[in-house]
Amino acid sequence: MTTARSSGEISTARRAGRAVGHALHRPFTGTAKGIRRATHAHGAGESGLGKLIELHAVNSAGDVMITVALASTVFFSVPTDQARGRVALYLAITMAPFALLAPVIGPLLDRIPHGRRAAMAGAMLARALLALTMSGAVATGGLQLYPAALGVLVASKAYGVVRSAVVPRLLPPNFSLVKANSRVTLGGLLATGIGAPIGVVLQHIGSSWPLYGASVVFGCGTFLAFTLPPKVDSAKGERKAQLVEQQRKPSLRTVGPSVFKGLLANATLRCLSGFLIFFLAFLLRVHPMAGQSAAVSLGIVGVAAGTGNALGTAVGALLRSRGPEIMIATVLTVVLGTAVVTAVFFAPVLVAMLAAVAGVSQALAKLSLDAMIQRDVPEEVRTSAFARSETLLQMAWVVGGAIGISLPLNGTLGMSVASALVAAGVFATVRGLLRAARRGTPHPRVA
């Protein structure tokens, strides 16, 4: 009798345990299934685009954890004057060599068209190992931190170049390239929004913990890269594209004015992005928003920029790819107007508004550039064109950051410089873009 009662109690306890386990497990499995349904919708699962979206989400989560660790070490852990010196040193040691290395990344990756999955996996693995290397130096901020940070930056951009080259190979039926890139970018932005607070929590545990987390994330990405379909490694029909014409090879200049002017306009917006990140980081630390701490002030501007970028990407996914020249000219003009208003009537709310408008505009302009490359660049050189455009845009961001770090911390002066940067881009590109839109772009010829 006692034995039967004990067996019944054990059985009841087991059922209760299973019920609790299912209750705790269901939210996670339900979320995972929901994410999988979203990333694999409308044929993205069958084409392999869904797996690329998930891989890019992993990449973005790992990158933002490293950013949290570096920001806490290089920027927040020391007084403002010392932080400015550290950031300048970071730019000099990491960005300057990268500016020299960036032009060779695209051509180097062109040589391994049959190993794109391995290249992305290698970029993930390199950052996983470098994150562990940085974890020992992040607390002290010693010079050994910076070579590792340079390696992370190079690996991150190498991944980005290969990803851009891969997207055209994974287009589902009836998918435009602008829509595919919108989905990939949105996945990365959502992962950044999740990874950033996780990185902050890990930072409170210890300065090395965000890097440990990043190493784990990139380790998972290493294996996930090999789950992409084999057609990613196909190079059938591809040739290299140069940014200047050499020996009658096809180039971005030879496919009509739209792509080249669109690239210059995007470089302007990317330069503005780098400028705002570095200039406002120091300005708001010394002169935070009224009633707010420096960290909260930076957080408000960062959220505004991130929200704007996500909104622009979402809007781009809904828009048709027609008239990308008009779109780029419009957003560039809107950014110029917003920057001028912010410079004349400088106020924290206008700074946040400029960050949001710049985020929306950068996303829409990049998606429009992608659409023009898809439309105007022949398929056999399109992959290489994406690689080179990504490299130039990163270099523009570096230039903007260098300008931002060198200016005095005067809000009106900084926003005036931002206005001048955008005005130069408007002067150089808008007229040509509108002219190209009016007359239409002829079908490109490959010499």
Protein backbone atom coordinates (compact mmCIF):
# COMPACT_ATOMS: atom_id res chain seq x y z
CA MET A 1 0.00 0.00 0.00
CA THR A 2 2.77 2.37 1.00
CA THR A 3 4.76 1.40 -2.10
CA ALA A 4 1.78 2.09 -4.38
CA ARG A 5 1.22 5.48 -2.71
CA SER A 6 4.89 6.38 -3.11
CA SER A 7 4.82 5.35 -6.78
CA GLY A 8 1.74 7.52 -7.32
CA GLU A 9 3.40 10.48 -5.64
CA ILE A 10 6.53 10.04 -7.79
CA SER A 11 4.37 9.81 -10.93
CA THR A 12 2.49 12.96 -9.94
CA ALA A 13 5.77 14.77 -9.27
CA ARG A 14 7.09 13.70 -12.66
CA ARG A 15 3.97 14.95 -14.44
CA ALA A 16 4.22 18.23 -12.56
CA GLY A 17 7.89 18.52 -13.47
CA ARG A 18 7.15 17.87 -17.13
CA ALA A 19 4.36 20.44 -17.07
CA VAL A 20 6.68 23.06 -15.55
CA GLY A 21 9.38 22.16 -18.06
CA HIS A 22 6.97 22.56 -20.97
CA ALA A 23 5.74 25.87 -19.56
CA LEU A 24 9.28 27.21 -19.31
CA HIS A 25 10.36 25.75 -22.62
CA ARG A 26 7.36 26.90 -24.68
CA PRO A 27 8.19 30.66 -24.78
CA PHE A 28 11.67 29.94 -26.10
CA THR A 29 10.62 27.35 -28.67
CA GLY A 30 7.67 29.50 -29.69
CA THR A 31 9.94 32.51 -30.17
CA ALA A 32 12.45 30.45 -32.14
CA LYS A 33 9.69 29.08 -34.41
CA GLY A 34 8.31 32.59 -34.89
CA ILE A 35 11.72 33.91 -35.88
CA ARG A 36 12.23 31.01 -38.25
CA ARG A 37 8.82 31.61 -39.89
CA ALA A 38 9.64 35.31 -40.35
CA THR A 39 13.11 34.78 -41.81
CA HIS A 40 11.99 31.96 -44.09
CA ALA A 41 8.77 33.58 -45.38
CA HIS A 42 7.94 34.22 -49.05
CA GLY A 43 10.38 31.68 -50.42
CA ALA A 44 13.39 32.87 -48.38
CA GLY A 45 13.65 29.48 -46.72
CA GLU A 46 13.77 27.57 -49.99
CA SER A 47 16.29 29.93 -51.61
CA GLY A 48 18.63 30.02 -48.60
CA LEU A 49 18.10 33.73 -47.92
CA GLY A 50 16.54 32.89 -44.55
CA LYS A 51 19.75 31.25 -43.38
CA LEU A 52 21.74 34.29 -44.49
CA ILE A 53 19.38 36.54 -42.49
CA GLU A 54 19.99 34.39 -39.41
CA LEU A 55 23.75 34.40 -40.00
CA HIS A 56 23.75 38.19 -40.31
CA ALA A 57 21.74 38.47 -37.09
CA VAL A 58 24.42 36.43 -35.31
CA ASN A 59 27.11 38.64 -36.85
CA SER A 60 25.39 41.83 -35.67
CA ALA A 61 24.85 40.52 -32.13
CA GLY A 62 28.52 39.61 -31.81
CA ASP A 63 29.70 42.95 -33.22
CA VAL A 64 27.58 44.98 -30.82
CA MET A 65 28.91 43.03 -27.81
CA ILE A 66 32.46 43.90 -28.86
CA THR A 67 31.36 47.52 -29.33
CA VAL A 68 29.97 47.61 -25.79
CA ALA A 69 33.24 46.25 -24.39
CA LEU A 70 35.39 48.73 -26.34
CA ALA A 71 33.16 51.71 -25.56
CA SER A 72 33.28 50.92 -21.85
CA THR A 73 37.07 50.62 -21.94
CA VAL A 74 38.11 53.32 -24.38
CA PHE A 75 35.40 55.90 -23.66
CA PHE A 76 33.43 55.60 -20.42
CA SER A 77 36.10 54.36 -18.01
CA VAL A 78 38.28 57.51 -18.07
CA PRO A 79 37.83 61.32 -17.86
CA THR A 80 36.73 63.13 -21.03
CA ASP A 81 40.14 64.53 -22.01
CA GLN A 82 41.79 61.16 -21.58
CA ALA A 83 38.92 59.45 -23.38
CA ARG A 84 39.37 61.76 -26.35
CA GLY A 85 43.02 60.81 -26.53
CA ARG A 86 42.16 57.12 -26.33
CA VAL A 87 39.57 57.37 -29.10
CA ALA A 88 42.02 59.31 -31.26
CA LEU A 89 44.57 56.58 -30.62
CA TYR A 90 41.96 53.95 -31.48
CA LEU A 91 41.26 55.71 -34.79
CA ALA A 92 44.95 56.08 -35.58
CA ILE A 93 45.89 52.47 -34.79
CA THR A 94 42.81 50.72 -36.17
CA MET A 95 41.13 52.95 -38.75
CA ALA A 96 44.24 54.28 -40.50
CA PRO A 97 45.64 50.81 -41.26
CA PHE A 98 42.14 49.69 -42.22
CA ALA A 99 41.90 52.54 -44.73
CA LEU A 100 45.03 51.08 -46.35
CA LEU A 101 43.80 47.49 -46.14
CA ALA A 102 40.22 48.16 -47.27
CA PRO A 103 40.98 48.64 -50.98
CA VAL A 104 42.55 45.18 -51.17
CA ILE A 105 39.77 43.34 -49.32
CA GLY A 106 37.44 43.26 -52.34
CA PRO A 107 40.06 42.14 -54.88
CA LEU A 108 41.35 39.53 -52.42
CA LEU A 109 37.89 38.09 -51.91
CA ASP A 110 37.35 38.11 -55.67
CA ARG A 111 40.06 35.46 -55.84
CA ILE A 112 38.06 33.03 -53.70
CA PRO A 113 34.59 33.05 -55.31
CA HIS A 114 34.29 29.31 -54.72
CA GLY A 115 34.92 29.67 -50.98
CA ARG A 116 32.45 32.29 -49.82
CA ARG A 117 30.98 30.13 -47.08
CA ALA A 118 34.48 29.38 -45.83
CA ALA A 119 35.36 33.10 -46.03
CA MET A 120 32.36 34.08 -43.88
CA ALA A 121 33.09 31.25 -41.45
CA GLY A 122 36.72 32.36 -41.29
CA ALA A 123 35.67 35.94 -40.53
CA MET A 124 33.47 34.64 -37.71
CA LEU A 125 36.16 32.36 -36.30
CA ALA A 126 38.78 35.12 -36.45
CA ARG A 127 36.57 37.44 -34.38
CA ALA A 128 35.80 34.67 -31.90
CA LEU A 129 39.51 34.19 -31.26
CA LEU A 130 40.29 37.92 -31.29
CA ALA A 131 37.53 38.57 -28.76
CA LEU A 132 39.22 36.13 -26.39
CA THR A 133 42.55 37.85 -27.03
CA MET A 134 41.02 41.25 -26.26
CA SER A 135 39.42 40.03 -23.05
CA GLY A 136 42.77 40.02 -21.28
CA ALA A 137 43.62 43.61 -22.28
CA VAL A 138 40.22 45.28 -22.17
CA ALA A 139 40.38 46.09 -18.46
CA THR A 140 43.66 48.02 -18.75
CA GLY A 141 43.16 49.52 -22.20
CA GLY A 142 46.76 48.71 -23.07
CA LEU A 143 48.19 49.09 -26.55
CA GLN A 144 47.88 45.36 -27.20
CA LEU A 145 44.11 45.93 -27.36
CA TYR A 146 44.31 47.96 -30.57
CA PRO A 147 45.89 45.44 -32.98
CA ALA A 148 43.22 42.95 -31.95
CA ALA A 149 40.54 45.62 -32.50
CA LEU A 150 41.98 46.24 -35.97
CA GLY A 151 41.74 42.53 -36.70
CA VAL A 152 38.12 42.51 -35.57
CA LEU A 153 37.34 45.48 -37.82
CA VAL A 154 39.00 43.92 -40.87
CA ALA A 155 37.25 40.58 -40.29
CA SER A 156 33.91 42.34 -39.82
CA LYS A 157 34.22 44.26 -43.06
CA ALA A 158 35.45 41.20 -44.92
CA TYR A 159 32.30 39.41 -43.79
CA GLY A 160 30.20 42.38 -44.94
CA VAL A 161 31.76 42.39 -48.39
CA VAL A 162 31.19 38.66 -48.86
CA ARG A 163 27.62 38.94 -47.55
CA SER A 164 26.83 41.64 -50.11
CA ALA A 165 28.26 39.42 -52.83
CA VAL A 166 26.20 36.44 -51.66
CA VAL A 167 22.75 38.08 -51.56
CA PRO A 168 22.19 38.05 -55.36
CA ARG A 169 22.80 34.28 -55.34
CA LEU A 170 20.00 33.70 -52.81
CA LEU A 171 17.15 35.79 -54.22
CA PRO A 172 13.78 34.02 -53.91
CA PRO A 173 11.41 34.14 -56.94
CA ASN A 174 9.88 37.59 -57.50
CA PHE A 175 12.24 39.15 -54.95
CA SER A 176 14.09 42.34 -55.79
CA LEU A 177 17.57 42.87 -54.44
CA VAL A 178 16.41 45.90 -52.46
CA LYS A 179 13.81 43.78 -50.68
CA ALA A 180 16.29 41.00 -49.95
CA ASN A 181 18.83 43.43 -48.54
CA SER A 182 16.10 45.06 -46.46
CA ARG A 183 15.30 41.74 -44.83
CA VAL A 184 18.94 40.97 -44.13
CA THR A 185 19.53 44.43 -42.68
CA LEU A 186 16.39 44.30 -40.54
CA GLY A 187 17.52 40.98 -39.11
CA GLY A 188 20.85 42.56 -38.17
CA LEU A 189 19.20 45.60 -36.59
CA LEU A 190 16.86 43.46 -34.49
CA ALA A 191 19.79 41.34 -33.33
CA THR A 192 21.72 44.50 -32.44
CA GLY A 193 18.79 45.68 -30.34
CA ILE A 194 18.83 42.36 -28.48
CA GLY A 195 22.60 42.00 -28.22
CA ALA A 196 23.29 45.52 -26.91
CA PRO A 197 21.44 45.17 -23.58
CA ILE A 198 22.87 41.68 -23.14
CA GLY A 199 26.32 43.17 -23.61
CA VAL A 200 25.57 45.87 -21.03
CA VAL A 201 24.44 43.25 -18.51
CA LEU A 202 27.59 41.23 -19.13
CA GLN A 203 29.64 44.42 -18.73
CA HIS A 204 28.25 44.83 -15.20
CA ILE A 205 29.49 41.33 -14.38
CA GLY A 206 33.00 42.16 -15.59
CA SER A 207 34.75 44.13 -18.32
CA SER A 208 35.78 40.93 -20.13
CA TRP A 209 32.38 39.28 -20.12
CA PRO A 210 30.92 41.00 -23.23
CA LEU A 211 33.94 39.69 -25.13
CA TYR A 212 33.36 36.19 -23.79
CA GLY A 213 29.77 36.49 -25.00
CA ALA A 214 30.89 37.75 -28.40
CA SER A 215 33.31 34.84 -28.72
CA VAL A 216 30.50 32.35 -28.11
CA VAL A 217 28.21 34.13 -30.59
CA PHE A 218 30.85 34.21 -33.33
CA GLY A 219 31.68 30.57 -32.62
CA CYS A 220 28.06 29.70 -33.40
CA GLY A 221 28.25 31.87 -36.53
CA THR A 222 31.28 29.91 -37.72
CA PHE A 223 29.20 26.73 -37.95
CA LEU A 224 26.09 28.54 -39.21
CA ALA A 225 28.01 29.89 -42.24
CA PHE A 226 28.45 26.35 -43.56
CA THR A 227 24.67 25.76 -43.48
CA LEU A 228 24.22 28.18 -46.40
CA PRO A 229 23.36 26.40 -49.67
CA PRO A 230 26.23 25.34 -51.95
CA LYS A 231 25.19 27.80 -54.67
CA VAL A 232 26.70 30.55 -52.49
CA ASP A 233 30.10 29.30 -53.66
CA SER A 234 29.14 29.41 -57.33
CA ALA A 235 30.96 32.00 -59.44
CA LYS A 236 29.36 31.15 -62.76
CA GLY A 237 29.36 34.10 -65.13
CA GLU A 238 31.13 36.51 -62.78
CA ARG A 239 33.95 38.90 -63.57
CA LYS A 240 35.68 41.62 -61.57
CA ALA A 241 34.57 45.25 -61.59
CA GLN A 242 36.97 48.15 -61.10
CA LEU A 243 36.08 51.59 -59.74
CA VAL A 244 38.16 53.14 -62.51
CA GLU A 245 38.28 51.96 -66.09
CA GLN A 246 41.34 49.92 -66.88
CA GLN A 247 41.96 48.22 -70.21
CA ARG A 248 38.27 48.52 -71.21
CA LYS A 249 37.09 46.43 -68.29
CA PRO A 250 33.56 47.18 -67.02
CA SER A 251 33.48 49.53 -64.04
CA LEU A 252 31.05 51.51 -61.92
CA ARG A 253 31.84 54.55 -64.04
CA THR A 254 31.02 52.76 -67.31
CA VAL A 255 27.48 51.75 -66.35
CA GLY A 256 26.06 55.27 -66.41
CA PRO A 257 26.00 58.19 -63.99
CA SER A 258 23.36 56.81 -61.63
CA VAL A 259 25.50 54.23 -59.85
CA PHE A 260 28.51 56.49 -59.50
CA LYS A 261 26.48 59.48 -58.28
CA GLY A 262 24.49 57.18 -55.98
CA LEU A 263 27.73 55.87 -54.52
CA LEU A 264 28.99 59.41 -53.87
CA ALA A 265 25.68 60.33 -52.20
CA ASN A 266 25.85 57.25 -50.00
CA ALA A 267 29.45 58.06 -49.13
CA THR A 268 28.26 61.50 -48.01
CA LEU A 269 25.67 59.99 -45.68
CA ARG A 270 28.14 57.42 -44.37
CA CYS A 271 30.66 60.22 -43.71
CA LEU A 272 27.94 62.10 -41.80
CA SER A 273 27.23 58.95 -39.78
CA GLY A 274 30.87 58.61 -38.72
CA PHE A 275 31.03 62.30 -37.90
CA LEU A 276 27.89 62.27 -35.73
CA ILE A 277 28.94 59.14 -33.83
CA PHE A 278 32.30 60.52 -32.72
CA PHE A 279 31.42 64.20 -32.37
CA LEU A 280 28.21 63.66 -30.40
CA ALA A 281 29.83 61.01 -28.21
CA PHE A 282 32.13 63.67 -26.76
CA LEU A 283 29.79 66.64 -27.02
CA LEU A 284 27.00 64.96 -25.03
CA ARG A 285 29.46 63.65 -22.47
CA VAL A 286 30.61 67.20 -21.67
CA HIS A 287 27.25 68.91 -22.37
CA PRO A 288 24.50 66.33 -21.75
CA MET A 289 20.83 66.98 -22.34
CA ALA A 290 19.07 69.00 -19.67
CA GLY A 291 18.28 66.86 -16.65
CA GLN A 292 19.96 63.79 -18.12
CA SER A 293 23.28 62.07 -17.54
CA ALA A 294 25.86 61.73 -20.29
CA ALA A 295 25.09 58.02 -20.72
CA VAL A 296 21.33 58.66 -20.98
CA SER A 297 21.90 61.52 -23.44
CA LEU A 298 24.03 59.30 -25.65
CA GLY A 299 21.46 56.55 -25.33
CA ILE A 300 18.66 58.85 -26.51
CA VAL A 301 20.58 59.91 -29.60
CA GLY A 302 21.68 56.31 -30.26
CA VAL A 303 18.12 55.01 -30.01
CA ALA A 304 16.93 57.78 -32.32
CA ALA A 305 19.54 56.87 -34.93
CA GLY A 306 18.89 53.14 -34.60
CA THR A 307 15.13 53.58 -34.80
CA GLY A 308 15.53 55.77 -37.86
CA ASN A 309 17.73 53.19 -39.54
CA ALA A 310 15.26 50.41 -38.79
CA LEU A 311 12.35 52.54 -40.01
CA GLY A 312 14.16 53.39 -43.23
CA THR A 313 14.96 49.73 -43.83
CA ALA A 314 11.35 48.72 -43.18
CA VAL A 315 10.04 51.43 -45.51
CA GLY A 316 12.55 50.38 -48.15
CA ALA A 317 11.24 46.82 -48.00
CA LEU A 318 7.76 48.09 -48.87
CA LEU A 319 8.74 50.49 -51.64
CA ARG A 320 9.18 49.55 -55.28
CA SER A 321 12.70 49.73 -56.65
CA ARG A 322 11.65 52.27 -59.32
CA GLY A 323 13.12 55.75 -59.19
CA PRO A 324 16.03 55.12 -56.80
CA GLU A 325 17.76 58.27 -58.09
CA ILE A 326 14.80 60.36 -56.92
CA MET A 327 14.87 58.61 -53.55
CA ILE A 328 18.57 59.29 -52.96
CA ALA A 329 18.29 62.92 -54.07
CA THR A 330 15.27 63.43 -51.81
CA VAL A 331 16.73 61.94 -48.63
CA LEU A 332 20.06 63.73 -49.12
CA THR A 333 18.23 67.06 -49.48
CA VAL A 334 16.11 66.34 -46.40
CA VAL A 335 19.22 65.57 -44.35
CA LEU A 336 20.82 68.83 -45.49
CA GLY A 337 17.75 70.82 -44.42
CA THR A 338 17.65 69.08 -41.04
CA ALA A 339 21.38 69.65 -40.46
CA VAL A 340 21.07 73.35 -41.30
CA VAL A 341 18.12 73.78 -38.93
CA THR A 342 20.04 71.96 -36.19
CA ALA A 343 23.08 74.22 -36.71
CA VAL A 344 21.03 77.45 -36.66
CA PHE A 345 18.73 76.55 -33.76
CA PHE A 346 21.01 74.16 -31.91
CA ALA A 347 19.11 72.18 -29.28
CA PRO A 348 19.30 68.61 -27.93
CA VAL A 349 15.92 67.67 -29.43
CA LEU A 350 17.13 68.81 -32.85
CA VAL A 351 20.29 66.73 -32.45
CA ALA A 352 18.16 63.66 -31.77
CA MET A 353 15.97 64.53 -34.76
CA LEU A 354 19.04 64.86 -37.01
CA ALA A 355 20.28 61.47 -35.83
CA ALA A 356 16.89 59.90 -36.64
CA VAL A 357 16.62 61.58 -40.06
CA ALA A 358 20.20 60.57 -40.88
CA GLY A 359 19.38 56.97 -39.90
CA VAL A 360 16.28 56.83 -42.11
CA SER A 361 18.09 58.49 -45.01
CA GLN A 362 21.17 56.29 -44.80
CA ALA A 363 19.04 53.15 -44.91
CA LEU A 364 16.89 54.31 -47.83
CA ALA A 365 19.89 55.63 -49.78
CA LYS A 366 21.79 52.36 -49.36
CA LEU A 367 18.81 50.30 -50.47
CA SER A 368 18.40 52.59 -53.49
CA LEU A 369 22.08 52.20 -54.36
CA ASP A 370 21.67 48.43 -54.19
CA ALA A 371 18.70 48.70 -56.56
CA MET A 372 20.73 50.76 -59.04
CA ILE A 373 23.60 48.28 -58.96
CA GLN A 374 21.11 45.50 -59.58
CA ARG A 375 19.56 47.41 -62.47
CA ASP A 376 22.60 48.95 -64.16
CA VAL A 377 25.56 46.66 -63.46
CA PRO A 378 25.74 43.51 -65.62
CA GLU A 379 25.27 40.30 -63.69
CA GLU A 380 28.75 39.05 -64.47
CA VAL A 381 30.34 41.98 -62.60
CA ARG A 382 27.61 42.82 -60.08
CA THR A 383 29.07 40.80 -57.23
CA SER A 384 32.42 42.53 -57.48
CA ALA A 385 30.71 45.93 -57.68
CA PHE A 386 29.00 45.31 -54.37
CA ALA A 387 32.32 44.45 -52.77
CA ARG A 388 33.98 47.65 -53.93
CA SER A 389 31.06 49.91 -53.02
CA GLU A 390 31.03 48.53 -49.46
CA THR A 391 34.76 49.23 -49.14
CA LEU A 392 34.39 52.86 -50.27
CA LEU A 393 31.48 53.47 -47.91
CA GLN A 394 33.49 52.20 -44.95
CA MET A 395 36.35 54.50 -45.87
CA ALA A 396 33.92 57.44 -45.98
CA TRP A 397 32.77 56.55 -42.46
CA VAL A 398 36.38 56.60 -41.29
CA VAL A 399 36.91 60.08 -42.76
CA GLY A 400 33.78 61.38 -41.05
CA GLY A 401 34.86 59.93 -37.72
CA ALA A 402 38.30 61.53 -38.01
CA ILE A 403 36.71 64.93 -38.64
CA GLY A 404 34.39 64.49 -35.69
CA ILE A 405 37.16 63.62 -33.24
CA SER A 406 39.27 66.63 -34.27
CA LEU A 407 36.68 69.39 -33.73
CA PRO A 408 36.22 71.54 -30.60
CA LEU A 409 33.19 70.52 -28.56
CA ASN A 410 30.89 73.30 -29.76
CA GLY A 411 27.46 72.15 -30.85
CA THR A 412 26.77 74.92 -33.34
CA LEU A 413 30.21 74.53 -34.90
CA GLY A 414 29.83 70.76 -35.15
CA MET A 415 26.41 70.93 -36.78
CA SER A 416 27.70 73.60 -39.17
CA VAL A 417 30.49 71.23 -40.23
CA ALA A 418 27.91 68.45 -40.64
CA SER A 419 25.83 70.76 -42.83
CA ALA A 420 28.88 71.58 -44.95
CA LEU A 421 29.67 67.88 -45.44
CA VAL A 422 26.14 67.13 -46.61
CA ALA A 423 26.00 70.29 -48.75
CA ALA A 424 29.12 69.14 -50.59
CA GLY A 425 27.41 65.81 -51.30
CA VAL A 426 24.23 67.52 -52.49
CA PHE A 427 26.21 69.82 -54.79
CA ALA A 428 28.17 66.89 -56.26
CA THR A 429 25.33 64.42 -56.78
CA VAL A 430 21.73 65.68 -56.69
CA ARG A 431 21.70 67.45 -60.05
CA GLY A 432 23.26 64.46 -61.79
CA LEU A 433 20.85 62.03 -60.11
CA LEU A 434 17.80 64.07 -61.14
CA ARG A 435 19.10 64.40 -64.69
CA ALA A 436 19.66 60.64 -64.90
CA ALA A 437 16.17 59.99 -63.53
CA ARG A 438 14.57 62.29 -66.14
CA ARG A 439 16.29 60.80 -69.16
CA GLY A 440 16.33 57.21 -67.91
CA THR A 441 19.39 54.97 -67.63
CA PRO A 442 20.44 53.14 -70.80
CA HIS A 443 21.09 49.46 -70.60
CA PRO A 444 24.77 49.05 -69.76
CA ARG A 445 27.21 47.59 -72.23
CA VAL A 446 30.15 45.44 -71.20
CA ALA A 447 33.28 46.05 -73.23
